[in-house]
Amino acid sequence: MSLEVTPRPDGAVATASNAERRFRALIELARGRRRPLILLQHNPDPDALASGFALKHLLKRVLRSEPVVAFTGTVGRAENRAMMRYLKIQIVPAFKVNFRHHDLVVVVDTQPGAGTCRLPEGMVPDVVVDHHPVVGDRLAGVRLPLVDEGYGATSSLVGEMFLANGLAIPDRVATALVYGIQTDTQDLARNVSPVDEEVFARLYPLADLRLIGRIQRARVPQSYFRVMERGLRHASVHGHAVTTHLGEIEHSDLVAEVADLLFRLEGMTWSFVTGVHARVLYASIRALEQEGIDAGVVARAVAGPRGSGGGHEALAAAQIPLLAGEDVTAAQEAALGRFLEAAHVKKTLTKPLTVPPDVPAEH
């Protein structure tokens, strides 16, 4: 089963009729399936958490099924853990899941073959719900690909299905979707379409803004500030790009968080941050939205032959598994070199952001 989406003249892809067709196609495929599994992207972010949470409610409400929401990796960022706690989002580690016991597999906010999708070897999901660009034949064999890069967030795609089909939206679901859209579009300022704005505006009055405030103000451990200090102290400016390496980190979300922070530096077109967690070199890329710049293309170059990478024009990520005995510094420098080359950044213009990395930090 496939679902064709017709772009609008203004470049936005979604319409109410598309959302209605998506909903009907999903329900038709899921009808009679009693044990759906919803698999989130690796290290799920608020957009993935919200989308999976909402889809679980949709299938449970319409079909009376009992979906399980699973994840690989970790939920490390304090705000993401607070989101799960305050909104009562229940997810289980994928290693506790027997995929063969589920009669429907839905992948959310990622795609097979992407570095953020960790399916068992050889498994093809029944449904993919995502807003990231499709690369190659990643959707081959997927019965229902609900994938549309015209959205700034998967939460917008899922939320629109609720709104277009008149489904009641509980406040916790609305709150999750609003927060998912906010975070993936940086408060409707990045990779946003008219559809995202419309869905956000209609969900916003239904959300619990007090809970969103509590999520955004989640407390962080002291180790968080150590990583931030290390990232700033080792940061370098290469012309119109700012980069840093965080070393060993407790969770990979820190890489994206520092990339967002550094991208605030005035005059920058790019930010590039790397860090190592569980023998994987993670990289996050942020880019200025302008013609000729595509962070997703750069991320695939950074990933190299054995890694994986991708994303949107303005933000992207890559993951590179480290080989046994491989020198981390050499791997990080090689990834940095690929970034500078792919982003057309001159390494000769390098200078420290704050102080040279070999200057001891003050305590």
Protein backbone atom coordinates (compact mmCIF):
# COMPACT_ATOMS: atom_id res chain seq x y z
CA MET A 1 0.00 0.00 0.00
CA SER A 2 1.34 3.43 -0.84
CA LEU A 3 0.03 6.91 -0.27
CA GLU A 4 0.70 9.64 -2.80
CA VAL A 5 1.04 13.19 -1.54
CA THR A 6 0.48 16.08 -3.94
CA PRO A 7 2.50 19.23 -3.20
CA ARG A 8 0.72 22.57 -3.12
CA PRO A 9 1.89 25.46 -5.29
CA ASP A 10 3.32 27.28 -2.25
CA GLY A 11 5.64 24.38 -1.50
CA ALA A 12 3.73 23.12 1.56
CA VAL A 13 2.74 19.51 1.15
CA ALA A 14 -0.04 18.77 3.57
CA THR A 15 -3.76 19.36 3.15
CA ALA A 16 -6.74 18.24 5.19
CA SER A 17 -7.60 15.70 2.48
CA ASN A 18 -4.07 14.25 2.66
CA ALA A 19 -4.39 13.94 6.43
CA GLU A 20 -7.76 12.21 6.06
CA ARG A 21 -6.30 9.75 3.55
CA ARG A 22 -3.32 9.08 5.76
CA PHE A 23 -5.61 8.37 8.69
CA ARG A 24 -7.85 6.02 6.68
CA ALA A 25 -4.87 4.16 5.23
CA LEU A 26 -3.32 3.70 8.68
CA ILE A 27 -6.56 2.46 10.22
CA GLU A 28 -7.21 0.11 7.29
CA LEU A 29 -3.77 -1.46 7.64
CA ALA A 30 -3.90 -1.62 11.45
CA ARG A 31 -7.43 -3.01 11.66
CA GLY A 32 -7.43 -6.45 13.26
CA ARG A 33 -3.85 -6.11 14.54
CA ARG A 34 -3.95 -6.64 18.29
CA ARG A 35 -0.28 -6.15 19.22
CA PRO A 36 1.13 -3.10 17.38
CA LEU A 37 4.68 -2.04 18.11
CA ILE A 38 5.67 1.62 17.73
CA LEU A 39 9.45 1.97 17.46
CA LEU A 40 10.89 5.43 18.01
CA GLN A 41 14.12 6.83 16.63
CA HIS A 42 17.32 5.95 18.45
CA ASN A 43 17.77 8.27 21.46
CA PRO A 44 14.25 9.69 21.00
CA ASP A 45 13.78 13.46 21.12
CA PRO A 46 10.54 15.31 22.02
CA ASP A 47 9.23 15.06 18.45
CA ALA A 48 9.65 11.28 18.43
CA LEU A 49 8.25 10.90 21.96
CA ALA A 50 5.21 13.04 21.15
CA SER A 51 4.50 11.35 17.83
CA GLY A 52 4.77 7.85 19.28
CA PHE A 53 2.64 8.81 22.29
CA ALA A 54 -0.07 10.28 20.03
CA LEU A 55 -0.07 7.31 17.64
CA LYS A 56 -0.44 4.93 20.56
CA HIS A 57 -3.49 6.88 21.73
CA LEU A 58 -4.91 6.94 18.19
CA LEU A 59 -4.64 3.17 17.67
CA LYS A 60 -5.90 2.41 21.17
CA ARG A 61 -8.86 4.78 20.84
CA VAL A 62 -9.97 3.86 17.32
CA LEU A 63 -9.11 0.15 17.16
CA ARG A 64 -9.05 -0.82 20.85
CA SER A 65 -5.59 -2.32 20.39
CA GLU A 66 -2.79 -2.22 22.96
CA PRO A 67 0.28 -0.71 21.28
CA VAL A 68 3.71 -0.90 22.85
CA VAL A 69 6.06 2.06 22.34
CA ALA A 70 9.72 1.03 22.30
CA PHE A 71 13.05 2.80 21.91
CA THR A 72 16.71 1.99 21.46
CA GLY A 73 19.55 4.04 22.88
CA THR A 74 18.80 6.34 25.80
CA VAL A 75 16.64 9.26 26.83
CA GLY A 76 19.37 11.43 28.26
CA ARG A 77 18.38 15.08 28.03
CA ALA A 78 16.79 16.38 31.23
CA GLU A 79 13.90 18.03 29.38
CA ASN A 80 13.08 14.80 27.55
CA ARG A 81 12.98 12.80 30.78
CA ALA A 82 10.81 15.50 32.34
CA MET A 83 8.47 15.32 29.35
CA MET A 84 8.01 11.59 29.87
CA ARG A 85 7.47 12.06 33.60
CA TYR A 86 4.99 14.95 33.51
CA LEU A 87 2.99 13.65 30.52
CA LYS A 88 3.11 10.01 31.67
CA ILE A 89 4.65 8.77 28.43
CA GLN A 90 5.48 5.08 28.83
CA ILE A 91 8.14 3.56 26.59
CA VAL A 92 10.10 0.34 26.97
CA PRO A 93 13.69 -0.48 25.95
CA ALA A 94 13.77 -2.38 22.66
CA PHE A 95 15.97 -5.12 24.13
CA LYS A 96 12.95 -6.16 26.22
CA VAL A 97 10.77 -6.49 23.11
CA ASN A 98 10.28 -9.67 21.09
CA PHE A 99 9.56 -8.20 17.67
CA ARG A 100 8.07 -11.51 16.46
CA HIS A 101 5.25 -11.21 19.00
CA HIS A 102 3.93 -8.02 17.33
CA ASP A 103 1.66 -8.10 14.30
CA LEU A 104 2.25 -4.49 13.20
CA VAL A 105 5.51 -2.52 13.35
CA VAL A 106 5.36 1.27 13.05
CA VAL A 107 8.63 3.23 12.84
CA VAL A 108 8.34 6.85 14.00
CA ASP A 109 10.50 9.92 13.28
CA THR A 110 13.13 7.91 11.42
CA GLN A 111 13.44 5.50 8.48
CA PRO A 112 14.90 2.03 7.88
CA GLY A 113 18.53 2.33 6.91
CA ALA A 114 19.06 5.60 8.76
CA GLY A 115 21.49 5.67 11.65
CA THR A 116 18.64 6.59 13.98
CA CYS A 117 16.61 3.47 13.11
CA ARG A 118 17.65 0.29 14.92
CA LEU A 119 15.45 -2.53 13.64
CA PRO A 120 16.39 -6.21 13.88
CA GLU A 121 18.45 -7.38 10.92
CA GLY A 122 16.29 -7.95 7.85
CA MET A 123 13.09 -6.56 9.34
CA VAL A 124 11.00 -4.19 7.22
CA PRO A 125 8.37 -2.19 9.16
CA ASP A 126 4.75 -2.08 8.04
CA VAL A 127 4.44 1.68 8.53
CA VAL A 128 6.92 4.58 8.61
CA VAL A 129 5.76 7.94 9.98
CA ASP A 130 8.42 10.59 9.46
CA HIS A 131 9.26 14.06 8.18
CA HIS A 132 12.91 13.56 7.27
CA PRO A 133 14.06 13.48 3.62
CA VAL A 134 14.07 10.04 2.03
CA VAL A 135 17.47 8.83 0.88
CA GLY A 136 17.77 6.06 -1.69
CA ASP A 137 15.49 3.06 -1.28
CA ARG A 138 15.00 3.29 2.50
CA LEU A 139 11.24 2.86 2.12
CA ALA A 140 11.50 -0.23 -0.10
CA GLY A 141 9.04 -2.87 1.08
CA VAL A 142 7.26 -0.57 3.56
CA ARG A 143 3.54 -1.13 3.08
CA LEU A 144 2.46 2.32 4.26
CA PRO A 145 5.08 5.11 4.08
CA LEU A 146 3.60 8.19 5.73
CA VAL A 147 6.70 10.25 5.03
CA ASP A 148 6.62 13.90 4.04
CA GLU A 149 9.56 16.29 4.31
CA GLY A 150 7.21 19.24 3.81
CA TYR A 151 6.62 19.21 7.57
CA GLY A 152 8.96 20.73 10.13
CA ALA A 153 8.10 18.03 12.68
CA THR A 154 6.61 14.55 12.70
CA SER A 155 4.35 15.84 15.49
CA SER A 156 2.72 18.15 12.94
CA LEU A 157 2.01 15.25 10.58
CA VAL A 158 0.49 13.17 13.38
CA GLY A 159 -1.38 16.07 14.96
CA GLU A 160 -2.93 16.94 11.61
CA MET A 161 -4.39 13.43 11.34
CA PHE A 162 -6.19 14.01 14.65
CA LEU A 163 -7.48 17.42 13.63
CA ALA A 164 -8.57 16.53 10.10
CA ASN A 165 -10.55 13.52 11.25
CA GLY A 166 -12.29 15.11 14.23
CA LEU A 167 -10.63 12.94 16.87
CA ALA A 168 -10.81 14.12 20.46
CA ILE A 169 -7.34 15.09 21.65
CA PRO A 170 -6.61 14.65 25.37
CA ASP A 171 -4.67 17.49 26.96
CA ARG A 172 -1.59 15.33 27.56
CA VAL A 173 -1.47 14.32 23.88
CA ALA A 174 -1.98 17.92 22.74
CA THR A 175 0.74 19.09 25.15
CA ALA A 176 3.18 16.49 23.85
CA LEU A 177 2.51 17.39 20.21
CA VAL A 178 2.84 21.13 20.86
CA TYR A 179 6.16 20.60 22.64
CA GLY A 180 7.33 18.25 19.87
CA ILE A 181 6.63 20.91 17.22
CA GLN A 182 8.23 23.63 19.33
CA THR A 183 11.49 21.77 19.82
CA ASP A 184 11.91 20.44 16.29
CA THR A 185 11.22 23.84 14.71
CA GLN A 186 12.87 25.98 17.41
CA ASP A 187 9.58 27.69 18.25
CA LEU A 188 8.46 27.79 14.59
CA ALA A 189 11.68 29.48 13.46
CA ARG A 190 13.44 26.59 11.65
CA ASN A 191 12.32 24.25 8.83
CA VAL A 192 8.74 25.36 9.41
CA SER A 193 5.90 25.24 6.88
CA PRO A 194 2.42 26.82 6.89
CA VAL A 195 1.08 23.41 7.89
CA ASP A 196 3.23 23.31 11.02
CA GLU A 197 1.99 26.77 11.95
CA GLU A 198 -1.65 25.81 11.44
CA VAL A 199 -1.42 22.55 13.39
CA PHE A 200 0.47 24.28 16.20
CA ALA A 201 -2.10 27.08 16.39
CA ARG A 202 -4.99 24.62 16.65
CA LEU A 203 -3.30 22.39 19.24
CA TYR A 204 -1.91 25.20 21.38
CA PRO A 205 -5.22 26.07 23.14
CA LEU A 206 -5.61 22.38 24.07
CA ALA A 207 -2.16 22.07 25.63
CA ASP A 208 -1.19 22.44 29.28
CA LEU A 209 1.25 25.34 29.07
CA ARG A 210 2.09 25.05 32.75
CA LEU A 211 3.46 21.55 32.15
CA ILE A 212 5.43 22.71 29.12
CA GLY A 213 7.03 25.35 31.33
CA ARG A 214 7.99 22.73 33.91
CA ILE A 215 9.49 20.54 31.17
CA GLN A 216 11.55 23.41 29.77
CA ARG A 217 12.89 24.26 33.24
CA ALA A 218 13.95 20.70 34.07
CA ARG A 219 16.92 20.56 36.47
CA VAL A 220 20.24 19.26 35.14
CA PRO A 221 23.15 17.54 36.95
CA GLN A 222 26.51 19.19 37.59
CA SER A 223 28.06 17.01 34.88
CA TYR A 224 25.98 18.92 32.33
CA PHE A 225 27.87 22.13 33.09
CA ARG A 226 31.22 20.33 32.94
CA VAL A 227 30.41 19.23 29.40
CA MET A 228 29.31 22.74 28.44
CA GLU A 229 32.53 24.22 29.85
CA ARG A 230 34.66 21.65 28.04
CA GLY A 231 32.83 22.26 24.79
CA LEU A 232 33.27 26.03 24.97
CA ARG A 233 36.92 25.81 26.02
CA HIS A 234 37.81 23.54 23.10
CA ALA A 235 35.67 25.35 20.52
CA SER A 236 37.26 26.83 17.40
CA VAL A 237 36.02 29.29 14.81
CA HIS A 238 36.89 28.43 11.20
CA GLY A 239 35.81 31.48 9.24
CA HIS A 240 32.02 31.13 9.18
CA ALA A 241 31.87 27.81 11.09
CA VAL A 242 32.24 27.08 14.80
CA THR A 243 33.20 23.58 15.95
CA THR A 244 34.06 21.66 19.10
CA HIS A 245 34.59 18.15 20.43
CA LEU A 246 33.07 17.13 23.78
CA GLY A 247 35.06 13.95 24.35
CA GLU A 248 33.30 11.15 26.27
CA ILE A 249 29.71 12.10 27.13
CA GLU A 250 26.96 10.50 29.21
CA HIS A 251 24.38 10.68 26.43
CA SER A 252 24.42 11.72 22.79
CA ASP A 253 21.75 14.43 23.22
CA LEU A 254 24.50 16.68 24.58
CA VAL A 255 26.05 16.92 21.11
CA ALA A 256 22.89 18.45 19.64
CA GLU A 257 22.46 20.74 22.62
CA VAL A 258 25.95 22.21 22.28
CA ALA A 259 25.51 22.52 18.50
CA ASP A 260 22.42 24.66 19.13
CA LEU A 261 24.32 26.78 21.65
CA LEU A 262 27.33 27.43 19.41
CA PHE A 263 25.13 28.23 16.42
CA ARG A 264 24.04 31.37 18.26
CA LEU A 265 27.49 32.88 17.63
CA GLU A 266 27.00 35.87 15.36
CA GLY A 267 28.29 35.60 11.82
CA MET A 268 28.19 31.80 11.73
CA THR A 269 26.81 29.77 8.83
CA TRP A 270 27.63 26.41 10.44
CA SER A 271 28.11 24.76 13.81
CA PHE A 272 29.61 21.28 14.13
CA VAL A 273 29.91 19.35 17.39
CA THR A 274 31.15 15.82 18.09
CA GLY A 275 31.17 13.58 21.14
CA VAL A 276 31.69 9.91 21.96
CA HIS A 277 29.18 7.68 23.69
CA ALA A 278 29.25 3.85 23.85
CA ARG A 279 32.00 3.63 21.21
CA VAL A 280 30.07 5.72 18.69
CA LEU A 281 31.23 9.13 17.49
CA TYR A 282 28.16 11.36 17.29
CA ALA A 283 28.09 14.58 15.27
CA SER A 284 25.48 17.33 15.14
CA ILE A 285 25.36 19.99 12.44
CA ARG A 286 23.45 23.26 12.33
CA ALA A 287 23.35 25.47 9.24
CA LEU A 288 21.96 28.80 8.16
CA GLU A 289 18.88 28.40 6.00
CA GLN A 290 19.91 29.78 2.64
CA GLU A 291 20.24 28.63 -0.94
CA GLY A 292 23.08 26.23 -1.59
CA ILE A 293 23.38 24.98 1.99
CA ASP A 294 22.20 21.52 3.00
CA ALA A 295 23.24 20.14 6.39
CA GLY A 296 21.83 16.72 5.50
CA VAL A 297 24.21 16.35 2.55
CA VAL A 298 27.13 17.46 4.73
CA ALA A 299 26.13 14.96 7.45
CA ARG A 300 26.27 12.09 4.98
CA ALA A 301 29.75 13.20 3.96
CA VAL A 302 30.82 13.38 7.61
CA ALA A 303 29.51 9.86 8.24
CA GLY A 304 31.93 8.43 5.70
CA PRO A 305 31.76 4.87 4.37
CA ARG A 306 30.96 3.08 7.63
CA GLY A 307 28.76 5.62 9.37
CA SER A 308 25.29 6.97 8.73
CA GLY A 309 24.02 10.51 8.52
CA GLY A 310 21.30 12.75 7.23
CA GLY A 311 18.78 15.40 8.15
CA HIS A 312 17.32 18.63 6.87
CA GLU A 313 18.89 21.65 5.19
CA ALA A 314 19.30 23.45 8.53
CA LEU A 315 20.06 20.63 10.96
CA ALA A 316 21.47 17.15 10.63
CA ALA A 317 23.39 14.45 12.45
CA ALA A 318 25.82 11.63 11.83
CA GLN A 319 26.91 8.55 13.76
CA ILE A 320 30.21 6.74 13.19
CA PRO A 321 30.84 3.44 15.03
CA LEU A 322 34.40 3.26 16.34
CA LEU A 323 36.40 0.17 15.51
CA ALA A 324 38.10 -1.89 18.18
CA GLY A 325 41.27 -0.10 19.22
CA GLU A 326 40.58 2.90 17.00
CA ASP A 327 42.02 6.17 18.24
CA VAL A 328 39.17 8.51 19.16
CA THR A 329 41.16 11.67 18.48
CA ALA A 330 42.06 10.48 15.00
CA ALA A 331 38.44 9.54 14.26
CA GLN A 332 37.20 12.92 15.48
CA GLU A 333 39.78 14.84 13.48
CA ALA A 334 38.92 12.85 10.36
CA ALA A 335 35.21 13.64 10.84
CA LEU A 336 36.04 17.32 11.34
CA GLY A 337 38.10 17.30 8.16
CA ARG A 338 35.22 15.80 6.19
CA PHE A 339 32.89 18.44 7.60
CA LEU A 340 35.17 21.34 6.69
CA GLU A 341 35.60 19.99 3.18
CA ALA A 342 31.90 19.27 2.58
CA ALA A 343 30.85 22.65 4.03
CA HIS A 344 33.54 24.46 1.99
CA VAL A 345 35.10 25.95 5.13
CA LYS A 346 38.73 27.10 5.06
CA LYS A 347 40.68 25.49 7.88
CA THR A 348 43.40 28.16 7.57
CA LEU A 349 41.08 30.71 9.21
CA THR A 350 40.94 28.79 12.50
CA LYS A 351 41.06 30.59 15.85
CA PRO A 352 39.90 29.62 19.37
CA LEU A 353 36.41 30.68 20.41
CA THR A 354 37.40 31.51 23.99
CA VAL A 355 40.90 30.45 25.06
CA PRO A 356 43.36 27.98 23.55
CA PRO A 357 42.44 24.38 24.54
CA ASP A 358 45.81 23.83 26.25
CA VAL A 359 45.22 26.63 28.76
CA PRO A 360 44.07 25.09 32.07
CA ALA A 361 40.53 25.99 33.07
CA GLU A 362 40.16 28.19 36.13
CA HIS A 363 38.53 26.60 39.15
